[in-house]
Protein backbone atom coordinates (compact mmCIF):
# COMPACT_ATOMS: atom_id res chain seq x y z
CA MET A 1 110.44 97.83 84.37
CA ASP A 2 108.75 99.10 81.23
CA VAL A 3 106.41 101.85 80.08
CA SER A 4 103.32 100.13 81.47
CA THR A 5 104.96 99.92 84.90
CA LEU A 6 105.42 103.69 85.10
CA MET A 7 101.94 104.29 83.69
CA ALA A 8 100.04 101.87 85.92
CA GLY A 9 99.63 103.89 89.11
CA PRO A 10 98.78 107.47 90.07
CA ARG A 11 102.20 108.13 91.59
CA GLY A 12 104.02 106.85 88.50
CA ARG A 13 101.92 109.00 86.19
CA ARG A 14 102.41 112.02 88.44
CA PHE A 15 106.18 111.50 88.35
CA LEU A 16 106.16 111.47 84.54
CA LEU A 17 104.19 114.71 84.46
CA GLU A 18 106.39 116.40 87.05
CA PHE A 19 109.50 115.50 85.04
CA ALA A 20 107.98 117.08 81.94
CA VAL A 21 106.92 120.21 83.84
CA THR A 22 110.44 120.57 85.26
CA SER A 23 111.89 120.09 81.78
CA GLU A 24 109.69 122.89 80.50
CA ARG A 25 110.74 125.21 83.32
CA ARG A 26 114.40 124.58 82.54
CA SER A 27 113.80 125.70 78.96
CA GLY A 28 111.84 128.79 80.02
CA GLY A 29 108.47 127.57 78.74
CA HIS A 30 105.12 127.70 80.48
CA ALA A 31 102.46 126.18 78.18
CA LEU A 32 102.36 122.81 79.96
CA SER A 33 102.43 124.33 83.44
CA HIS A 34 99.55 126.63 82.52
CA ALA A 35 97.49 123.83 80.97
CA VAL A 36 97.97 121.60 84.02
CA PHE A 37 97.08 124.47 86.35
CA GLU A 38 93.86 125.15 84.49
CA ALA A 39 92.91 121.48 84.37
CA ASP A 40 93.69 121.00 88.05
CA ARG A 41 91.31 123.77 89.06
CA ALA A 42 88.57 122.78 86.61
CA LEU A 43 88.58 119.10 87.57
CA ASP A 44 88.47 119.98 91.26
CA PRO A 45 85.08 121.30 92.45
CA GLU A 46 86.73 122.89 95.52
CA PRO A 47 90.19 124.00 94.38
CA ASP A 48 90.75 126.40 97.28
CA ARG A 49 90.36 123.76 99.98
CA GLY A 50 93.05 121.43 101.27
CA ALA A 51 90.76 118.43 100.90
CA ARG A 52 90.02 117.76 97.23
CA TYR A 53 86.76 116.33 95.90
CA VAL A 54 87.18 115.49 92.25
CA ALA A 55 85.03 113.91 89.64
CA LEU A 56 85.75 112.44 86.28
CA VAL A 57 86.57 108.78 85.55
CA GLY A 58 87.95 108.47 82.02
CA ASP A 59 85.82 109.30 79.00
CA ALA A 60 82.04 109.17 78.79
CA PRO A 61 79.56 110.14 76.05
CA GLU A 62 79.24 113.89 76.05
CA GLU A 63 75.42 113.82 75.80
CA SER A 64 74.90 111.40 78.70
CA ASP A 65 75.42 111.14 82.42
CA ALA A 66 78.68 109.22 82.99
CA ARG A 67 77.29 107.65 86.15
CA GLY A 68 74.03 106.41 84.69
CA GLU A 69 70.49 107.45 85.47
CA GLY A 70 69.89 109.23 88.76
CA GLY A 71 73.57 109.25 89.72
CA VAL A 72 73.79 105.45 89.81
CA PRO A 73 77.24 104.23 88.69
CA ALA A 74 77.50 103.21 85.07
CA GLU A 75 77.80 99.50 84.31
CA ALA A 76 81.61 99.60 84.15
CA ASP A 77 81.73 100.88 87.75
CA VAL A 78 79.40 98.30 89.29
CA PRO A 79 81.04 95.54 91.35
CA ASP A 80 80.45 91.99 90.24
CA GLU A 81 79.12 89.32 92.58
CA SER A 82 82.54 89.02 94.23
CA GLY A 83 82.37 92.64 95.35
CA VAL A 84 85.36 93.62 93.18
CA PRO A 85 84.63 96.54 90.83
CA ALA A 86 85.38 96.17 87.16
CA GLU A 87 88.01 98.91 87.24
CA ALA A 88 90.02 97.41 90.13
CA ASP A 89 93.57 96.68 89.06
CA ALA A 90 94.53 93.02 88.92
CA PRO A 91 98.03 92.46 90.26
CA GLY A 92 100.57 91.95 87.53
CA SER A 93 98.27 93.34 84.85
CA ALA A 94 100.19 94.42 81.77
CA GLU A 95 97.74 97.21 80.92
CA PRO A 96 97.36 100.14 83.32
CA SER A 97 93.93 101.20 84.50
CA PHE A 98 92.98 104.80 83.83
CA GLY A 99 89.96 104.79 86.17
CA GLU A 100 91.40 105.16 89.68
CA VAL A 101 89.41 108.14 90.93
CA ALA A 102 86.45 108.42 93.26
CA PRO A 103 82.93 108.76 91.82
CA ARG A 104 81.43 112.22 91.87
CA PRO A 105 78.59 112.47 94.43
CA GLU A 106 76.26 114.02 91.85
CA PRO A 107 75.70 113.24 88.14
CA ILE A 108 78.34 114.43 85.67
CA HIS A 109 76.67 116.44 82.93
CA ALA A 110 77.59 116.98 79.31
CA ARG A 111 78.94 120.48 79.84
CA TYR A 112 81.41 119.23 82.45
CA LEU A 113 82.54 116.41 80.17
CA THR A 114 83.06 118.80 77.27
CA THR A 115 85.14 121.11 79.45
CA ALA A 116 87.22 118.21 80.78
CA LYS A 117 87.88 116.90 77.30
CA SER A 118 88.95 120.33 76.04
CA LEU A 119 91.30 120.89 78.97
CA ALA A 120 92.79 117.40 78.66
CA THR A 121 93.34 117.88 74.94
CA THR A 122 95.14 121.17 75.56
CA ALA A 123 97.33 119.62 78.26
CA ALA A 124 98.11 116.62 76.07
CA LYS A 125 99.22 118.83 73.18
CA ALA A 126 101.44 120.87 75.49
CA LEU A 127 102.96 117.73 76.98
CA THR A 128 103.64 116.32 73.52
CA ALA A 129 105.45 119.53 72.51
CA THR A 130 107.54 119.82 75.68
CA PRO A 131 111.28 119.21 75.11
CA LEU A 132 112.56 116.74 77.71
CA VAL A 133 115.88 117.26 79.46
CA ASP A 134 118.40 114.47 79.91
CA ALA A 135 117.55 112.07 82.70
CA THR A 136 120.07 112.35 85.53
CA TRP A 137 119.64 112.17 89.29
CA ALA A 138 119.78 115.99 89.35
CA SER A 139 116.83 116.24 86.94
CA LEU A 140 114.91 113.31 88.44
CA ARG A 141 115.07 113.95 92.18
CA GLY A 142 112.77 116.99 92.27
CA PRO A 143 109.99 115.49 90.11
CA LEU A 144 110.17 112.21 92.00
CA ALA A 145 110.05 113.94 95.39
CA ASP A 146 107.05 116.01 94.29
CA ALA A 147 105.16 112.96 93.03
CA VAL A 148 105.72 111.27 96.40
CA ASP A 149 104.86 114.35 98.44
CA PHE A 150 101.53 114.83 96.63
CA ALA A 151 100.26 111.34 97.60
CA ARG A 152 96.95 111.40 99.48
CA TYR A 153 95.07 108.32 100.71
CA TRP A 154 92.32 109.94 102.77
CA GLN A 155 90.59 111.98 100.07
CA PRO A 156 89.75 111.83 96.37
CA PRO A 157 92.61 112.45 93.94
CA GLU A 158 93.63 115.99 93.11
CA GLY A 159 92.55 117.60 89.87
CA THR A 160 95.98 116.99 88.35
CA ASP A 161 95.78 113.28 89.12
CA VAL A 162 92.32 113.18 87.58
CA LEU A 163 93.78 114.79 84.45
CA LEU A 164 96.38 112.02 84.28
CA THR A 165 93.66 109.36 84.08
CA ARG A 166 92.33 110.91 80.86
CA GLU A 167 92.83 108.89 77.72
CA GLU A 168 94.09 112.02 75.94
CA MET A 169 97.12 112.01 78.25
CA ARG A 170 98.15 108.40 77.68
CA THR A 171 100.32 108.76 74.57
CA PRO A 172 102.11 111.94 75.72
CA LEU A 173 102.89 110.34 79.09
CA GLU A 174 104.19 107.22 77.36
CA ARG A 175 106.62 109.42 75.43
CA VAL A 176 108.05 110.70 78.73
CA ALA A 177 108.28 107.16 80.10
CA ARG A 178 110.20 105.91 77.05
CA HIS A 179 112.57 108.87 77.27
CA LEU A 180 113.40 108.03 80.89
CA LEU A 181 113.64 104.28 80.45
CA THR A 182 116.01 104.44 77.48
CA SER A 183 118.36 106.70 79.46
CA GLY A 184 119.19 103.98 81.98
CA ALA A 185 118.94 106.55 84.79
CA LEU A 186 116.07 104.64 86.42
CA ASP A 187 117.73 101.22 86.41
CA TRP A 188 118.73 101.39 90.08
CA TRP A 189 115.13 102.07 91.10
CA THR A 190 114.51 98.32 91.07
CA ARG A 191 117.31 97.57 93.56
CA SER A 192 116.76 95.46 96.67
CA ALA A 193 117.49 96.42 100.27
CA ALA A 194 120.77 94.53 100.08
CA ASP A 195 122.02 96.57 97.11
CA SER A 196 122.77 99.79 98.99
CA GLU A 197 124.12 101.00 102.31
CA GLN A 198 121.18 101.63 104.61
CA VAL A 199 120.55 104.97 106.34
CA ALA A 200 117.79 105.90 108.76
CA MET A 201 116.67 109.53 108.84
CA SER A 202 115.35 111.51 111.77
CA TRP A 203 114.20 115.09 111.50
CA GLU A 204 115.36 118.38 112.96
CA ASP A 205 117.05 117.78 116.35
CA GLU A 206 115.14 114.73 117.58
CA GLY A 207 117.91 112.17 117.03
CA PRO A 208 117.46 108.71 115.55
CA ALA A 209 114.87 106.29 116.85
CA THR A 210 116.29 103.32 118.70
CA PRO A 211 115.65 99.98 116.98
CA LEU A 212 113.19 97.89 118.93
CA GLY A 213 114.41 94.89 120.85
CA GLY A 214 112.33 92.62 118.67
CA ALA A 215 109.17 93.77 116.90
CA HIS A 216 107.08 90.65 117.46
CA PRO A 217 105.33 91.66 120.73
CA SER A 218 104.29 95.10 119.44
CA LEU A 219 103.15 93.65 116.12
CA ALA A 220 100.98 91.09 117.88
CA GLU A 221 99.51 93.74 120.19
CA ASN A 222 98.72 95.96 117.25
CA ARG A 223 96.98 93.10 115.44
CA THR A 224 94.77 92.51 118.47
CA THR A 225 93.91 96.20 118.62
CA VAL A 226 93.05 96.31 114.92
CA THR A 227 90.95 93.15 115.07
CA GLU A 228 88.95 94.34 118.06
CA ALA A 229 88.40 97.76 116.49
CA GLU A 230 87.33 96.14 113.23
CA ARG A 231 84.60 94.17 115.04
CA ARG A 232 83.45 97.30 116.87
CA LEU A 233 83.32 99.42 113.71
CA ALA A 234 81.47 96.69 111.81
CA ARG A 235 78.56 96.85 114.25
CA ARG A 236 77.86 100.49 113.37
CA ALA A 237 79.01 100.59 109.76
CA PRO A 238 76.94 103.05 107.68
CA ALA A 239 75.31 101.94 104.45
CA ASP A 240 76.97 104.78 102.52
CA PRO A 241 80.80 104.67 102.44
CA VAL A 242 80.87 108.47 102.32
CA GLU A 243 79.51 108.41 105.88
CA ALA A 244 82.25 106.04 107.10
CA GLY A 245 84.56 108.91 107.99
CA SER A 246 88.34 108.97 108.12
CA GLY A 247 90.66 106.85 110.19
CA GLU A 248 93.87 104.86 109.83
CA TRP A 249 94.43 105.18 106.09
CA TRP A 250 97.96 103.69 105.96
CA SER A 251 98.88 100.07 105.28
CA ALA A 252 102.62 100.27 106.01
CA PRO A 253 103.82 98.82 109.34
CA SER A 254 104.33 102.32 110.72
CA TRP A 255 102.54 104.27 113.45
CA PRO A 256 101.76 103.30 116.16
CA LEU A 257 104.38 100.55 115.89
CA TRP A 258 107.45 102.77 115.40
CA LEU A 259 109.49 100.06 113.76
CA PRO A 260 113.05 100.86 112.73
CA GLN A 261 113.21 101.77 109.07
CA SER A 262 115.89 102.70 106.59
CA ALA A 263 116.50 103.42 102.91
CA GLY A 264 119.48 103.40 100.58
CA LEU A 265 121.67 106.12 99.12
CA ALA A 266 121.09 108.23 96.02
CA PRO A 267 123.76 108.45 93.30
CA ASP A 268 125.10 111.65 94.91
CA GLY A 269 125.55 109.87 98.26
CA SER A 270 122.63 111.56 100.00
CA PRO A 271 120.01 109.48 101.85
CA ILE A 272 116.97 108.55 99.78
CA ALA A 273 114.93 108.85 102.98
CA ALA A 274 115.65 112.60 102.99
CA HIS A 275 114.34 113.09 99.44
CA LEU A 276 111.27 110.87 99.29
CA VAL A 277 108.69 111.54 101.99
CA GLU A 278 104.94 111.24 101.51
CA ASP A 279 102.91 114.25 102.64
CA ALA A 280 106.13 115.85 103.90
CA PHE A 281 106.19 118.46 106.65
CA GLY A 282 108.71 120.67 104.88
CA TRP A 283 111.74 119.51 106.83
CA GLU A 284 114.96 121.20 105.76
CA ARG A 285 117.32 119.59 108.24
CA GLY A 286 117.72 116.00 109.42
CA MET A 287 120.17 113.45 110.70
CA GLY A 288 121.16 110.27 108.93
CA ASN A 289 122.35 107.22 110.86
CA ARG A 290 124.02 104.34 109.12
CA LEU A 291 122.18 101.13 109.88
CA VAL A 292 124.04 97.83 109.80
CA VAL A 293 122.06 94.87 108.54
CA PRO A 294 123.45 91.44 109.46
CA GLU A 295 124.13 88.91 106.75
CA GLY A 296 121.50 86.32 106.02
CA VAL A 297 118.48 88.46 106.84
CA ARG A 298 115.25 87.52 105.10
CA VAL A 299 113.75 90.54 103.37
CA TYR A 300 110.52 90.41 101.38
CA GLU A 301 110.91 92.59 98.29
CA ILE A 302 107.95 94.61 97.00
CA GLY A 303 109.02 95.29 93.43
CA GLY A 304 105.53 96.02 92.11
CA ALA A 305 101.79 95.67 92.53
CA HIS A 306 101.86 91.89 92.25
CA ASP A 307 104.32 91.53 95.15
CA TRP A 308 102.19 93.69 97.45
CA ALA A 309 98.99 91.85 96.54
CA GLU A 310 100.74 88.51 97.05
CA LEU A 311 101.93 89.54 100.53
CA CYS A 312 98.34 90.45 101.43
CA ARG A 313 97.11 87.17 99.97
CA ARG A 314 99.56 85.12 102.04
CA PHE A 315 99.10 87.02 105.31
CA PRO A 316 95.68 88.75 105.18
CA LEU A 317 94.35 90.95 107.96
CA GLU A 318 90.80 92.28 107.55
CA VAL A 319 90.61 96.08 107.79
CA THR A 320 87.44 96.80 105.82
CA HIS A 321 85.89 99.15 108.35
CA HIS A 322 89.20 100.76 109.33
CA LYS A 323 89.89 101.79 105.75
CA ARG A 324 86.47 101.96 104.11
CA GLY A 325 85.88 105.72 104.21
CA ASP A 326 89.42 106.75 103.27
CA TRP A 327 90.06 104.15 100.59
CA PHE A 328 86.64 104.67 99.02
CA HIS A 329 87.52 108.32 98.55
CA THR A 330 90.94 107.63 97.08
CA THR A 331 90.02 104.65 94.84
CA GLY A 332 86.25 104.87 94.30
CA ARG A 333 85.81 101.25 95.44
CA ASP A 334 83.55 100.09 98.27
CA GLY A 335 84.07 96.54 99.46
CA ALA A 336 86.26 94.32 101.60
CA TRP A 337 89.82 95.50 102.32
CA VAL A 338 92.86 93.67 103.69
CA ILE A 339 96.45 94.55 104.55
CA PRO A 340 99.30 92.24 105.56
CA ASP A 341 99.15 90.80 109.04
CA TRP A 342 102.54 92.15 110.06
CA ALA A 343 102.79 89.88 113.08
CA GLU A 344 102.55 86.87 110.75
CA VAL A 345 104.88 88.43 108.19
CA ALA A 346 107.50 88.96 110.90
CA MET A 347 107.44 85.25 111.71
CA GLU A 348 108.82 84.52 108.24
CA TYR A 349 110.76 87.67 107.30
CA ASP A 350 113.18 90.01 109.06
CA GLY A 351 112.09 93.00 107.01
CA VAL A 352 110.00 94.21 104.07
CA HIS A 353 111.43 96.54 101.42
CA LEU A 354 109.54 98.65 98.88
CA SER A 355 111.58 99.62 95.82
CA ILE A 356 111.13 102.98 94.11
CA VAL A 357 109.61 101.42 91.01
CA GLY A 358 107.42 99.21 93.21
CA TYR A 359 106.08 102.34 94.87
CA LEU A 360 105.42 104.11 91.58
CA GLU A 361 103.47 101.15 90.21
CA ALA A 362 101.52 100.10 93.30
CA ALA A 363 100.85 103.02 95.64
CA GLY A 364 97.30 104.37 95.79
CA ARG A 365 95.63 101.70 93.63
CA ALA A 366 92.85 99.28 94.50
CA LEU A 367 94.72 96.01 93.92
CA VAL A 368 92.86 92.71 93.80
CA VAL A 369 93.86 90.22 96.49
CA ASP A 370 91.19 87.59 95.89
CA ALA A 371 87.60 87.30 94.69
CA ARG A 372 86.34 89.19 97.74
CA ALA A 373 88.96 91.68 98.87
CA CYS A 374 91.30 94.35 97.56
CA THR A 375 94.16 96.26 99.16
CA VAL A 376 95.91 99.62 98.90
CA LEU A 377 99.61 100.29 99.42
CA ALA A 378 99.58 103.52 101.42
CA GLY A 379 101.85 105.49 103.71
CA TRP A 380 105.10 103.83 102.66
CA ASP A 381 107.98 105.99 101.39
CA PRO A 382 109.87 104.64 98.35
CA ASP A 383 112.98 102.51 98.95
CA THR A 384 112.08 102.13 102.63
CA THR A 385 112.64 98.88 104.52
CA TYR A 386 110.79 98.22 107.77
CA TRP A 387 112.80 95.96 110.06
CA PHE A 388 111.25 93.32 112.31
CA THR A 389 114.53 91.84 113.57
CA ALA A 390 116.27 92.97 116.74
CA ASP A 391 119.65 92.46 115.09
CA VAL A 392 119.77 95.66 113.03
CA ARG A 393 121.69 98.44 114.77
CA TYR A 394 122.98 101.95 114.24
CA VAL A 395 126.73 102.47 113.93
CA GLY A 396 128.91 105.55 113.88
CA GLU A 397 127.92 109.12 114.58
CA PRO A 398 124.80 110.71 113.07
CA ARG A 399 125.46 112.89 110.03
CA THR A 400 123.48 116.09 109.63
CA TRP A 401 121.94 116.77 106.22
CA ILE A 402 120.53 120.10 105.04
CA GLN A 403 118.19 120.78 102.15
CA ARG A 404 119.39 123.32 99.60
CA ALA A 405 117.27 124.85 96.87
CA SER A 406 117.44 126.89 93.71
CA ASP A 407 114.71 128.18 91.43
CA LEU A 408 114.61 124.88 89.53
CA ASP A 409 115.86 122.26 91.95
CA TYR A 410 116.36 121.21 95.55
CA TRP A 411 118.76 118.69 96.99
CA TRP A 412 120.35 117.46 100.22
CA GLU A 413 123.98 117.88 101.22
CA PRO A 414 126.00 117.28 104.41
CA ALA A 415 125.97 120.18 106.85
CA GLU A 416 129.76 120.23 106.81
CA GLY A 417 129.83 120.18 102.99
């Protein structure tokens, strides 16, 4: 893990910003928070709506249309003959891409570009001047949880995430990344599923889900359903990806499969699965069940973008028309899409684990699988393992966890604590 790892993806960049904003709040400042707020609204044409439709992709000449004549994408945005756009992120790339936002549906004019540049410059200066607090789990958990919660894969990025693609923000964000990496507080974010006791969370009073008696039949049935739907959708696919609509935007082996899943423990002993939930529903109470994993299980580790792309390359399942509308909005790319064929993956592995750093680097990006297709890691909470084996089981009594909050922090503690 290095600076480029934390800078590569939208969730990693958002985490760095959230840590800086929290640091500022702890010191009583507000310049950075104000600058980000102003940029978020300005870079979002409809800031008062839940669905965001944002614009800018990096820098462009202030006297020209960034998308070319007549709203046609500029040369850097045009896919090559393989169908892979120039800005798509190659797995394992050392340099992060700062162009992971959807194209604006109308031309971007000079006045907009000037405003964006001014706002980004102001935010960058404020970020540079922000004193950073020491990196501990107590100062990291809130920013990390917020970065995860703000993930969206069915719409264009929020104005704040657009801001973080600006070149003006690169150096200030790198300062935050170096501060965190030199602290050593993030070292455990690369851990494997075997490195921590596993806990499965369920919310409110529902009780834990029962592990399936073998995931293979449901995985195979789901593959058949996806394949048949893909053929059906292909027959009526619109020419414009904007018209493709929304559908199953996730690529994790989650709904409708309901596979057992678990995550490790945080340094304070609380379940990571309680802290890190994408698009969370605001749960403040849940139950954690210890999950016993037998020795010798085969777990595929997703430690970064390359590992996810490689899994898709080895076990590809075509989902172009399932994902086209959603993933075009969130990445700006229109072309072939694949995800792992989980039925095939389960023939070789007992589970698949996504580390925290793997999530921060990979989630929400258009990652190249081959010359034709890309993929997006979506809908997968950090540090979560999905289990395909029937041998995992819950042990002991469920433990109730409650979220507590203060003005500057929130955390989880046992109900009896």
